[in-house]
Amino acid sequence: MAANDVAVRVKNVSHQFGEEGDPQYVRAMLDTSLEVRRGELLCLIGPSGCGKSTLLNIIGGLLAPTSGTVLVGDTEVRGPLPHEIAYVFQENALFPWSTVIENVRLGMMFQGVPRAARDERARKSLEAVGLVDFADHYPAQLSGGMRQRAALARALSLETGILLMDEPFGALDEQTRMVLGEDLSVLLARTAKTIVFVTHSLGEAVFLADRVAVFSARPGTIKEIIEIDEPHPRKSAFMTSDKFTALRNTLFSLLHEEIRKAMEQATASERAARGQAAGVSP
């Protein structure tokens, strides 16, 4: 892959929390390498605790890796890059005392966008997610799906080339997730943004992604990358196709063993914690 076709390059990244021997020591991720293509939506999927969100935080500069490097273009990530990367979290993090458009403008203020440009960019972003008629509403007046749209509009207003999305639809019902997934696919087709998207949902990964990176159980590393050869924008009819079912089954097969390993790790950790609490060596 040519260098200018790569938006993010992850090189031999490992991360641990705490020091070996500490009660809270965790090896979250081990020797992970990955290239994110410019203009693609790459999903990260794997068992709980395998390092998906850790990797997302490292790419975003919110967390420094224990070892290895991450490059955004030619720039090594050593902290947040607000002009290159925007974030959308599972919790929408909207300020309840501010209107939707005020919440969107706020992100641009932190980015240093001149005041005169903020309103036009905010309204353009709200139009992109279908919320322009709710610009003066407060978050409490919106549904959960609409609040996530507002959070996405805030990220879009920053006009970064890269979006990092950490289970942004995870707290929503299945029907709303499907509709927002369609909207995100349309957005990708229109803007050619680079999106790295963490999810636990096999169906969501197949529906949204151009590629899916499957993580192993902790310490997480990439087990395999699956290509989803389906153009954007995608419609819900894709979810009833034989192609969709086959791809979902492939992901399930790759994840099945890793999920069992993660469950065994969780059981062992719980037993160890009980033993320590009782004063017994594990």
C-alpha atoms as a PDB file:
ATOM      1  CA  MET A   1       0.000   0.000   0.000  1.00  0.00           C
ATOM      2  CA  ALA A   2       1.404   3.398  -0.985  1.00  0.00           C
ATOM      3  CA  ALA A   3       2.297   5.714   1.899  1.00  0.00           C
ATOM      4  CA  ASN A   4      -0.260   8.348   0.861  1.00  0.00           C
ATOM      5  CA  ASP A   5      -3.016   5.699   0.944  1.00  0.00           C
ATOM      6  CA  VAL A   6      -2.448   5.098   4.675  1.00  0.00           C
ATOM      7  CA  ALA A   7      -4.120   7.437   7.173  1.00  0.00           C
ATOM      8  CA  VAL A   8      -2.962   5.684  10.367  1.00  0.00           C
ATOM      9  CA  ARG A   9      -0.057   3.311  10.836  1.00  0.00           C
ATOM     10  CA  VAL A  10       0.168   1.284  14.078  1.00  0.00           C
ATOM     11  CA  LYS A  11       3.593  -0.302  14.555  1.00  0.00           C
ATOM     12  CA  ASN A  12       4.238  -3.037  17.139  1.00  0.00           C
ATOM     13  CA  VAL A  13       2.110  -1.376  19.812  1.00  0.00           C
ATOM     14  CA  SER A  14       1.821  -2.977  23.237  1.00  0.00           C
ATOM     15  CA  HIS A  15       0.195  -1.580  26.343  1.00  0.00           C
ATOM     16  CA  GLN A  16      -0.011  -2.556  29.970  1.00  0.00           C
ATOM     17  CA  PHE A  17      -1.742  -1.001  32.948  1.00  0.00           C
ATOM     18  CA  GLY A  18       0.345  -0.993  36.107  1.00  0.00           C
ATOM     19  CA  GLU A  19       3.580  -2.879  36.710  1.00  0.00           C
ATOM     20  CA  GLU A  20       4.055  -6.634  36.803  1.00  0.00           C
ATOM     21  CA  GLY A  21       3.420  -7.866  40.332  1.00  0.00           C
ATOM     22  CA  ASP A  22       0.926  -5.107  41.125  1.00  0.00           C
ATOM     23  CA  PRO A  23      -2.608  -6.290  41.997  1.00  0.00           C
ATOM     24  CA  GLN A  24      -4.037  -4.154  39.161  1.00  0.00           C
ATOM     25  CA  TYR A  25      -1.457  -5.189  36.540  1.00  0.00           C
ATOM     26  CA  VAL A  26      -3.026  -5.957  33.148  1.00  0.00           C
ATOM     27  CA  ARG A  27      -1.377  -6.658  29.806  1.00  0.00           C
ATOM     28  CA  ALA A  28      -4.071  -5.174  27.598  1.00  0.00           C
ATOM     29  CA  MET A  29      -2.467  -5.377  24.174  1.00  0.00           C
ATOM     30  CA  LEU A  30       0.589  -7.079  22.711  1.00  0.00           C
ATOM     31  CA  ASP A  31       2.686  -6.294  19.633  1.00  0.00           C
ATOM     32  CA  THR A  32      -0.169  -5.027  17.462  1.00  0.00           C
ATOM     33  CA  SER A  33       0.449  -3.651  13.977  1.00  0.00           C
ATOM     34  CA  LEU A  34      -2.175  -2.241  11.646  1.00  0.00           C
ATOM     35  CA  GLU A  35      -2.576   0.112   8.689  1.00  0.00           C
ATOM     36  CA  VAL A  36      -5.804   2.085   8.333  1.00  0.00           C
ATOM     37  CA  ARG A  37      -6.504   3.021   4.731  1.00  0.00           C
ATOM     38  CA  ARG A  38      -7.437   6.575   3.918  1.00  0.00           C
ATOM     39  CA  GLY A  39     -11.214   6.874   3.424  1.00  0.00           C
ATOM     40  CA  GLU A  40     -12.163   3.477   4.852  1.00  0.00           C
ATOM     41  CA  LEU A  41     -14.269   2.456   7.816  1.00  0.00           C
ATOM     42  CA  LEU A  42     -12.288  -0.070   9.833  1.00  0.00           C
ATOM     43  CA  CYS A  43     -14.077  -1.898  12.649  1.00  0.00           C
ATOM     44  CA  LEU A  44     -12.234  -3.292  15.665  1.00  0.00           C
ATOM     45  CA  ILE A  45     -14.018  -6.264  17.215  1.00  0.00           C
ATOM     46  CA  GLY A  46     -13.055  -8.765  19.876  1.00  0.00           C
ATOM     47  CA  PRO A  47     -13.806 -10.057  23.376  1.00  0.00           C
ATOM     48  CA  SER A  48     -14.257  -7.649  26.269  1.00  0.00           C
ATOM     49  CA  GLY A  49     -10.915  -6.479  27.628  1.00  0.00           C
ATOM     50  CA  CYS A  50      -8.932  -7.350  24.488  1.00  0.00           C
ATOM     51  CA  GLY A  51      -7.580  -3.833  23.938  1.00  0.00           C
ATOM     52  CA  LYS A  52      -9.917  -2.412  21.270  1.00  0.00           C
ATOM     53  CA  SER A  53     -10.692   0.809  23.133  1.00  0.00           C
ATOM     54  CA  THR A  54      -7.109   0.953  24.391  1.00  0.00           C
ATOM     55  CA  LEU A  55      -5.868   0.982  20.805  1.00  0.00           C
ATOM     56  CA  LEU A  56      -8.431   3.625  19.867  1.00  0.00           C
ATOM     57  CA  ASN A  57      -7.234   5.813  22.753  1.00  0.00           C
ATOM     58  CA  ILE A  58      -3.612   5.345  21.686  1.00  0.00           C
ATOM     59  CA  ILE A  59      -4.421   6.321  18.085  1.00  0.00           C
ATOM     60  CA  GLY A  60      -6.252   9.394  19.400  1.00  0.00           C
ATOM     61  CA  GLY A  61      -3.332  10.417  21.591  1.00  0.00           C
ATOM     62  CA  LEU A  62      -5.344  10.026  24.785  1.00  0.00           C
ATOM     63  CA  LEU A  63      -3.072   7.220  26.002  1.00  0.00           C
ATOM     64  CA  ALA A  64       0.645   6.625  25.442  1.00  0.00           C
ATOM     65  CA  PRO A  65       1.598   3.075  24.435  1.00  0.00           C
ATOM     66  CA  THR A  66       3.963   1.102  26.643  1.00  0.00           C
ATOM     67  CA  SER A  67       5.926   0.298  23.492  1.00  0.00           C
ATOM     68  CA  GLY A  68       5.566   0.808  19.761  1.00  0.00           C
ATOM     69  CA  THR A  69       4.503   3.826  17.733  1.00  0.00           C
ATOM     70  CA  VAL A  70       1.469   5.252  15.946  1.00  0.00           C
ATOM     71  CA  LEU A  71       1.742   7.551  12.942  1.00  0.00           C
ATOM     72  CA  VAL A  72      -1.035   9.761  11.594  1.00  0.00           C
ATOM     73  CA  GLY A  73       0.248  10.601   8.148  1.00  0.00           C
ATOM     74  CA  ASP A  74       3.898  11.384   8.813  1.00  0.00           C
ATOM     75  CA  THR A  75       3.268  12.613  12.370  1.00  0.00           C
ATOM     76  CA  GLU A  76       4.037  10.379  15.341  1.00  0.00           C
ATOM     77  CA  VAL A  77       1.194  10.519  17.853  1.00  0.00           C
ATOM     78  CA  ARG A  78       2.492  11.873  21.167  1.00  0.00           C
ATOM     79  CA  GLY A  79      -0.747  13.470  22.357  1.00  0.00           C
ATOM     80  CA  PRO A  80      -4.139  14.581  21.019  1.00  0.00           C
ATOM     81  CA  LEU A  81      -4.205  15.889  17.446  1.00  0.00           C
ATOM     82  CA  PRO A  82      -7.409  17.988  17.442  1.00  0.00           C
ATOM     83  CA  HIS A  83      -6.908  19.205  13.870  1.00  0.00           C
ATOM     84  CA  GLU A  84      -6.465  15.649  12.579  1.00  0.00           C
ATOM     85  CA  ILE A  85      -8.686  13.454  14.759  1.00  0.00           C
ATOM     86  CA  ALA A  86     -12.179  13.760  16.267  1.00  0.00           C
ATOM     87  CA  TYR A  87     -13.774  11.365  18.761  1.00  0.00           C
ATOM     88  CA  VAL A  88     -17.313  10.035  19.239  1.00  0.00           C
ATOM     89  CA  PHE A  89     -17.871   8.071  22.455  1.00  0.00           C
ATOM     90  CA  GLN A  90     -20.645   5.711  23.563  1.00  0.00           C
ATOM     91  CA  GLU A  91     -21.829   8.404  25.958  1.00  0.00           C
ATOM     92  CA  ASN A  92     -22.688  11.475  23.905  1.00  0.00           C
ATOM     93  CA  ALA A  93     -21.112  13.868  26.460  1.00  0.00           C
ATOM     94  CA  LEU A  94     -23.407  16.730  25.503  1.00  0.00           C
ATOM     95  CA  PHE A  95     -23.727  19.561  28.016  1.00  0.00           C
ATOM     96  CA  PRO A  96     -27.378  19.488  29.177  1.00  0.00           C
ATOM     97  CA  TRP A  97     -27.519  23.248  29.826  1.00  0.00           C
ATOM     98  CA  SER A  98     -26.518  24.059  26.220  1.00  0.00           C
ATOM     99  CA  THR A  99     -28.602  23.724  23.077  1.00  0.00           C
ATOM    100  CA  VAL A 100     -27.630  21.306  20.326  1.00  0.00           C
ATOM    101  CA  ILE A 101     -25.993  23.987  18.204  1.00  0.00           C
ATOM    102  CA  GLU A 102     -24.192  25.430  21.234  1.00  0.00           C
ATOM    103  CA  ASN A 103     -22.794  21.954  21.964  1.00  0.00           C
ATOM    104  CA  VAL A 104     -21.567  21.675  18.384  1.00  0.00           C
ATOM    105  CA  ARG A 105     -19.974  25.131  18.463  1.00  0.00           C
ATOM    106  CA  LEU A 106     -18.184  24.262  21.698  1.00  0.00           C
ATOM    107  CA  GLY A 107     -16.022  21.622  20.029  1.00  0.00           C
ATOM    108  CA  MET A 108     -14.861  24.154  17.472  1.00  0.00           C
ATOM    109  CA  MET A 109     -14.072  26.663  20.201  1.00  0.00           C
ATOM    110  CA  PHE A 110     -11.698  24.163  21.841  1.00  0.00           C
ATOM    111  CA  GLN A 111     -10.174  23.488  18.420  1.00  0.00           C
ATOM    112  CA  GLY A 112      -9.528  27.207  17.941  1.00  0.00           C
ATOM    113  CA  VAL A 113     -11.919  27.788  15.039  1.00  0.00           C
ATOM    114  CA  PRO A 114     -12.623  31.539  14.633  1.00  0.00           C
ATOM    115  CA  ARG A 115     -15.976  32.602  16.083  1.00  0.00           C
ATOM    116  CA  ALA A 116     -17.226  33.858  12.690  1.00  0.00           C
ATOM    117  CA  ALA A 117     -16.863  30.398  11.126  1.00  0.00           C
ATOM    118  CA  ARG A 118     -18.446  28.365  13.904  1.00  0.00           C
ATOM    119  CA  ASP A 119     -22.140  28.955  13.210  1.00  0.00           C
ATOM    120  CA  GLU A 120     -21.964  28.083   9.507  1.00  0.00           C
ATOM    121  CA  ARG A 121     -19.939  24.927  10.182  1.00  0.00           C
ATOM    122  CA  ALA A 122     -22.257  23.916  13.027  1.00  0.00           C
ATOM    123  CA  ARG A 123     -25.375  24.213  10.853  1.00  0.00           C
ATOM    124  CA  LYS A 124     -23.683  22.375   7.990  1.00  0.00           C
ATOM    125  CA  SER A 125     -22.824  19.512  10.361  1.00  0.00           C
ATOM    126  CA  LEU A 126     -26.352  19.400  11.771  1.00  0.00           C
ATOM    127  CA  GLU A 127     -27.724  19.214   8.234  1.00  0.00           C
ATOM    128  CA  ALA A 128     -25.424  16.264   7.528  1.00  0.00           C
ATOM    129  CA  VAL A 129     -26.979  14.280  10.398  1.00  0.00           C
ATOM    130  CA  GLY A 130     -30.566  15.492   9.891  1.00  0.00           C
ATOM    131  CA  LEU A 131     -30.792  17.645  13.021  1.00  0.00           C
ATOM    132  CA  VAL A 132     -30.899  21.175  11.666  1.00  0.00           C
ATOM    133  CA  ASP A 133     -34.536  21.563  12.793  1.00  0.00           C
ATOM    134  CA  PHE A 134     -33.479  20.696  16.359  1.00  0.00           C
ATOM    135  CA  ALA A 135     -30.558  23.108  16.591  1.00  0.00           C
ATOM    136  CA  ASP A 136     -32.154  25.114  19.407  1.00  0.00           C
ATOM    137  CA  HIS A 137     -33.386  22.122  21.410  1.00  0.00           C
ATOM    138  CA  TYR A 138     -31.689  20.940  24.584  1.00  0.00           C
ATOM    139  CA  PRO A 139     -30.313  17.370  24.879  1.00  0.00           C
ATOM    140  CA  ALA A 140     -33.082  16.366  27.313  1.00  0.00           C
ATOM    141  CA  GLN A 141     -35.622  17.138  24.579  1.00  0.00           C
ATOM    142  CA  LEU A 142     -34.039  14.626  22.181  1.00  0.00           C
ATOM    143  CA  SER A 143     -34.193  10.851  21.896  1.00  0.00           C
ATOM    144  CA  GLY A 144     -31.067   8.787  22.522  1.00  0.00           C
ATOM    145  CA  GLY A 145     -30.486   8.375  18.812  1.00  0.00           C
ATOM    146  CA  MET A 146     -30.831  12.096  18.201  1.00  0.00           C
ATOM    147  CA  ARG A 147     -28.355  12.861  20.977  1.00  0.00           C
ATOM    148  CA  GLN A 148     -25.824  10.569  19.287  1.00  0.00           C
ATOM    149  CA  ARG A 149     -26.490  12.371  16.004  1.00  0.00           C
ATOM    150  CA  ALA A 150     -25.701  15.630  17.785  1.00  0.00           C
ATOM    151  CA  ALA A 151     -22.454  14.163  19.120  1.00  0.00           C
ATOM    152  CA  LEU A 152     -21.566  13.048  15.597  1.00  0.00           C
ATOM    153  CA  ALA A 153     -22.380  16.538  14.268  1.00  0.00           C
ATOM    154  CA  ARG A 154     -19.984  18.017  16.814  1.00  0.00           C
ATOM    155  CA  ALA A 155     -17.247  15.676  15.597  1.00  0.00           C
ATOM    156  CA  LEU A 156     -18.020  16.464  11.939  1.00  0.00           C
ATOM    157  CA  SER A 157     -17.871  20.208  12.577  1.00  0.00           C
ATOM    158  CA  LEU A 158     -14.194  19.869  13.463  1.00  0.00           C
ATOM    159  CA  GLU A 159     -13.565  18.873   9.834  1.00  0.00           C
ATOM    160  CA  THR A 160     -10.869  16.362  10.711  1.00  0.00           C
ATOM    161  CA  GLY A 161      -9.931  13.644   8.253  1.00  0.00           C
ATOM    162  CA  ILE A 162     -10.160  10.924  10.900  1.00  0.00           C
ATOM    163  CA  LEU A 163     -13.037   9.933  13.199  1.00  0.00           C
ATOM    164  CA  LEU A 164     -12.541   7.547  16.107  1.00  0.00           C
ATOM    165  CA  MET A 165     -15.822   6.020  17.284  1.00  0.00           C
ATOM    166  CA  ASP A 166     -15.916   3.949  20.491  1.00  0.00           C
ATOM    167  CA  GLU A 167     -19.165   1.942  20.495  1.00  0.00           C
ATOM    168  CA  PRO A 168     -21.138   5.092  19.618  1.00  0.00           C
ATOM    169  CA  PHE A 169     -24.413   3.192  19.156  1.00  0.00           C
ATOM    170  CA  GLY A 170     -23.887   0.678  21.964  1.00  0.00           C
ATOM    171  CA  ALA A 171     -26.466   2.187  24.331  1.00  0.00           C
ATOM    172  CA  LEU A 172     -29.196   2.412  21.681  1.00  0.00           C
ATOM    173  CA  ASP A 173     -31.916  -0.040  20.735  1.00  0.00           C
ATOM    174  CA  GLU A 174     -31.351  -2.300  17.731  1.00  0.00           C
ATOM    175  CA  GLN A 175     -33.712  -0.442  15.385  1.00  0.00           C
ATOM    176  CA  THR A 176     -32.083   2.933  16.111  1.00  0.00           C
ATOM    177  CA  ARG A 177     -28.634   1.409  15.688  1.00  0.00           C
ATOM    178  CA  MET A 178     -29.617   0.123  12.258  1.00  0.00           C
ATOM    179  CA  VAL A 179     -30.918   3.528  11.124  1.00  0.00           C
ATOM    180  CA  LEU A 180     -27.847   5.365  12.421  1.00  0.00           C
ATOM    181  CA  GLY A 181     -25.664   2.736  10.766  1.00  0.00           C
ATOM    182  CA  GLU A 182     -27.313   3.498   7.431  1.00  0.00           C
ATOM    183  CA  ASP A 183     -26.735   7.214   8.011  1.00  0.00           C
ATOM    184  CA  LEU A 184     -23.076   6.620   8.837  1.00  0.00           C
ATOM    185  CA  SER A 185     -22.646   4.582   5.654  1.00  0.00           C
ATOM    186  CA  VAL A 186     -24.138   7.449   3.630  1.00  0.00           C
ATOM    187  CA  LEU A 187     -21.834   9.898   5.408  1.00  0.00           C
ATOM    188  CA  LEU A 188     -18.800   7.772   4.565  1.00  0.00           C
ATOM    189  CA  ALA A 189     -19.812   7.643   0.911  1.00  0.00           C
ATOM    190  CA  ARG A 190     -20.226  11.447   0.797  1.00  0.00           C
ATOM    191  CA  THR A 191     -17.160  12.559   2.737  1.00  0.00           C
ATOM    192  CA  ALA A 192     -14.574   9.771   2.335  1.00  0.00           C
ATOM    193  CA  LYS A 193     -13.560  10.260   5.975  1.00  0.00           C
ATOM    194  CA  THR A 194     -11.332   7.689   7.643  1.00  0.00           C
ATOM    195  CA  ILE A 195     -13.232   6.030  10.500  1.00  0.00           C
ATOM    196  CA  VAL A 196     -11.997   3.576  13.121  1.00  0.00           C
ATOM    197  CA  PHE A 197     -15.028   2.105  14.864  1.00  0.00           C
ATOM    198  CA  VAL A 198     -15.076  -0.125  17.959  1.00  0.00           C
ATOM    199  CA  THR A 199     -18.060  -2.439  18.362  1.00  0.00           C
ATOM    200  CA  HIS A 200     -19.096  -5.679  20.071  1.00  0.00           C
ATOM    201  CA  SER A 201     -21.794  -6.333  17.478  1.00  0.00           C
ATOM    202  CA  LEU A 202     -20.973  -8.776  14.680  1.00  0.00           C
ATOM    203  CA  GLY A 203     -23.847  -7.491  12.565  1.00  0.00           C
ATOM    204  CA  GLU A 204     -22.863  -3.870  13.048  1.00  0.00           C
ATOM    205  CA  ALA A 205     -19.274  -4.652  12.059  1.00  0.00           C
ATOM    206  CA  VAL A 206     -20.309  -6.402   8.838  1.00  0.00           C
ATOM    207  CA  PHE A 207     -22.870  -3.747   7.955  1.00  0.00           C
ATOM    208  CA  LEU A 208     -20.590  -0.749   8.481  1.00  0.00           C
ATOM    209  CA  ALA A 209     -17.027  -1.822   7.799  1.00  0.00           C
ATOM    210  CA  ASP A 210     -14.842  -1.921   4.725  1.00  0.00           C
ATOM    211  CA  ARG A 211     -12.568  -4.152   6.812  1.00  0.00           C
ATOM    212  CA  VAL A 212     -12.933  -5.788  10.219  1.00  0.00           C
ATOM    213  CA  ALA A 213      -9.891  -6.336  12.443  1.00  0.00           C
ATOM    214  CA  VAL A 214     -10.582  -9.283  14.763  1.00  0.00           C
ATOM    215  CA  PHE A 215      -8.754  -9.183  18.102  1.00  0.00           C
ATOM    216  CA  SER A 216      -7.643 -12.127  20.187  1.00  0.00           C
ATOM    217  CA  ALA A 217      -8.360 -12.452  23.899  1.00  0.00           C
ATOM    218  CA  ARG A 218      -6.164 -10.423  26.256  1.00  0.00           C
ATOM    219  CA  PRO A 219      -3.390  -9.521  25.755  1.00  0.00           C
ATOM    220  CA  GLY A 220      -5.063  -8.493  22.533  1.00  0.00           C
ATOM    221  CA  THR A 221      -3.450  -8.604  19.139  1.00  0.00           C
ATOM    222  CA  ILE A 222      -4.973  -8.768  15.690  1.00  0.00           C
ATOM    223  CA  LYS A 223      -5.914 -12.326  14.824  1.00  0.00           C
ATOM    224  CA  GLU A 224      -7.205 -11.672  11.316  1.00  0.00           C
ATOM    225  CA  ILE A 225      -8.537  -8.879   9.108  1.00  0.00           C
ATOM    226  CA  ILE A 226     -11.679  -9.554   7.068  1.00  0.00           C
ATOM    227  CA  GLU A 227     -12.523  -7.605   3.903  1.00  0.00           C
ATOM    228  CA  ILE A 228     -16.170  -6.555   3.429  1.00  0.00           C
ATOM    229  CA  ASP A 229     -16.472  -6.090  -0.324  1.00  0.00           C
ATOM    230  CA  GLU A 230     -19.677  -4.047  -0.397  1.00  0.00           C
ATOM    231  CA  PRO A 231     -19.909  -0.417  -1.587  1.00  0.00           C
ATOM    232  CA  HIS A 232     -21.200   2.470   0.530  1.00  0.00           C
ATOM    233  CA  PRO A 233     -23.855   3.645   1.103  1.00  0.00           C
ATOM    234  CA  ARG A 234     -25.346   0.400   2.386  1.00  0.00           C
ATOM    235  CA  LYS A 235     -29.017  -0.265   2.963  1.00  0.00           C
ATOM    236  CA  SER A 236     -30.781  -2.505   5.468  1.00  0.00           C
ATOM    237  CA  ALA A 237     -31.513  -5.028   2.684  1.00  0.00           C
ATOM    238  CA  PHE A 238     -27.819  -5.979   2.821  1.00  0.00           C
ATOM    239  CA  MET A 239     -28.455  -7.416   6.304  1.00  0.00           C
ATOM    240  CA  THR A 240     -30.821 -10.055   4.892  1.00  0.00           C
ATOM    241  CA  SER A 241     -28.462 -11.189   2.130  1.00  0.00           C
ATOM    242  CA  ASP A 242     -26.552 -14.473   1.980  1.00  0.00           C
ATOM    243  CA  LYS A 243     -23.332 -12.480   1.708  1.00  0.00           C
ATOM    244  CA  PHE A 244     -24.021 -10.691   4.987  1.00  0.00           C
ATOM    245  CA  THR A 245     -24.850 -13.974   6.753  1.00  0.00           C
ATOM    246  CA  ALA A 246     -21.678 -15.656   5.477  1.00  0.00           C
ATOM    247  CA  LEU A 247     -19.483 -12.752   6.622  1.00  0.00           C
ATOM    248  CA  ARG A 248     -21.154 -12.642  10.038  1.00  0.00           C
ATOM    249  CA  ASN A 249     -20.632 -16.392  10.428  1.00  0.00           C
ATOM    250  CA  THR A 250     -16.957 -15.982   9.524  1.00  0.00           C
ATOM    251  CA  LEU A 251     -16.537 -13.371  12.249  1.00  0.00           C
ATOM    252  CA  PHE A 252     -18.357 -15.565  14.765  1.00  0.00           C
ATOM    253  CA  SER A 253     -16.079 -18.481  13.947  1.00  0.00           C
ATOM    254  CA  LEU A 254     -12.972 -16.345  14.455  1.00  0.00           C
ATOM    255  CA  LEU A 255     -14.264 -14.894  17.730  1.00  0.00           C
ATOM    256  CA  HIS A 256     -15.790 -17.991  19.320  1.00  0.00           C
ATOM    257  CA  GLU A 257     -12.539 -19.399  20.730  1.00  0.00           C
ATOM    258  CA  GLU A 258     -11.301 -15.961  21.798  1.00  0.00           C
ATOM    259  CA  ILE A 259     -14.498 -15.225  23.721  1.00  0.00           C
ATOM    260  CA  ARG A 260     -14.151 -18.516  25.595  1.00  0.00           C
ATOM    261  CA  LYS A 261     -10.558 -17.626  26.481  1.00  0.00           C
ATOM    262  CA  ALA A 262     -11.707 -14.224  27.736  1.00  0.00           C
ATOM    263  CA  MET A 263     -14.397 -15.864  29.883  1.00  0.00           C
ATOM    264  CA  GLU A 264     -11.800 -18.212  31.394  1.00  0.00           C
ATOM    265  CA  GLN A 265      -9.521 -15.239  32.099  1.00  0.00           C
ATOM    266  CA  ALA A 266     -12.363 -13.417  33.837  1.00  0.00           C
ATOM    267  CA  THR A 267     -13.158 -16.480  35.973  1.00  0.00           C
ATOM    268  CA  ALA A 268      -9.492 -16.914  36.937  1.00  0.00           C
ATOM    269  CA  SER A 269      -9.193 -13.218  37.837  1.00  0.00           C
ATOM    270  CA  GLU A 270     -12.302 -13.407  39.999  1.00  0.00           C
ATOM    271  CA  ARG A 271     -10.978 -16.463  41.846  1.00  0.00           C
ATOM    272  CA  ALA A 272      -7.634 -14.744  42.396  1.00  0.00           C
ATOM    273  CA  ALA A 273      -9.360 -11.638  43.763  1.00  0.00           C
ATOM    274  CA  ARG A 274     -11.447 -13.731  46.150  1.00  0.00           C
ATOM    275  CA  GLY A 275      -8.329 -15.534  47.308  1.00  0.00           C
ATOM    276  CA  GLN A 276      -6.520 -12.267  47.978  1.00  0.00           C
ATOM    277  CA  ALA A 277      -9.515 -10.917  49.860  1.00  0.00           C
ATOM    278  CA  ALA A 278      -9.504 -14.036  52.028  1.00  0.00           C
ATOM    279  CA  GLY A 279      -5.759 -13.825  52.550  1.00  0.00           C
ATOM    280  CA  VAL A 280      -5.055 -16.929  50.487  1.00  0.00           C
ATOM    281  CA  SER A 281      -2.360 -17.047  47.816  1.00  0.00           C
ATOM    282  CA  PRO A 282      -3.966 -17.707  44.397  1.00  0.00           C
END
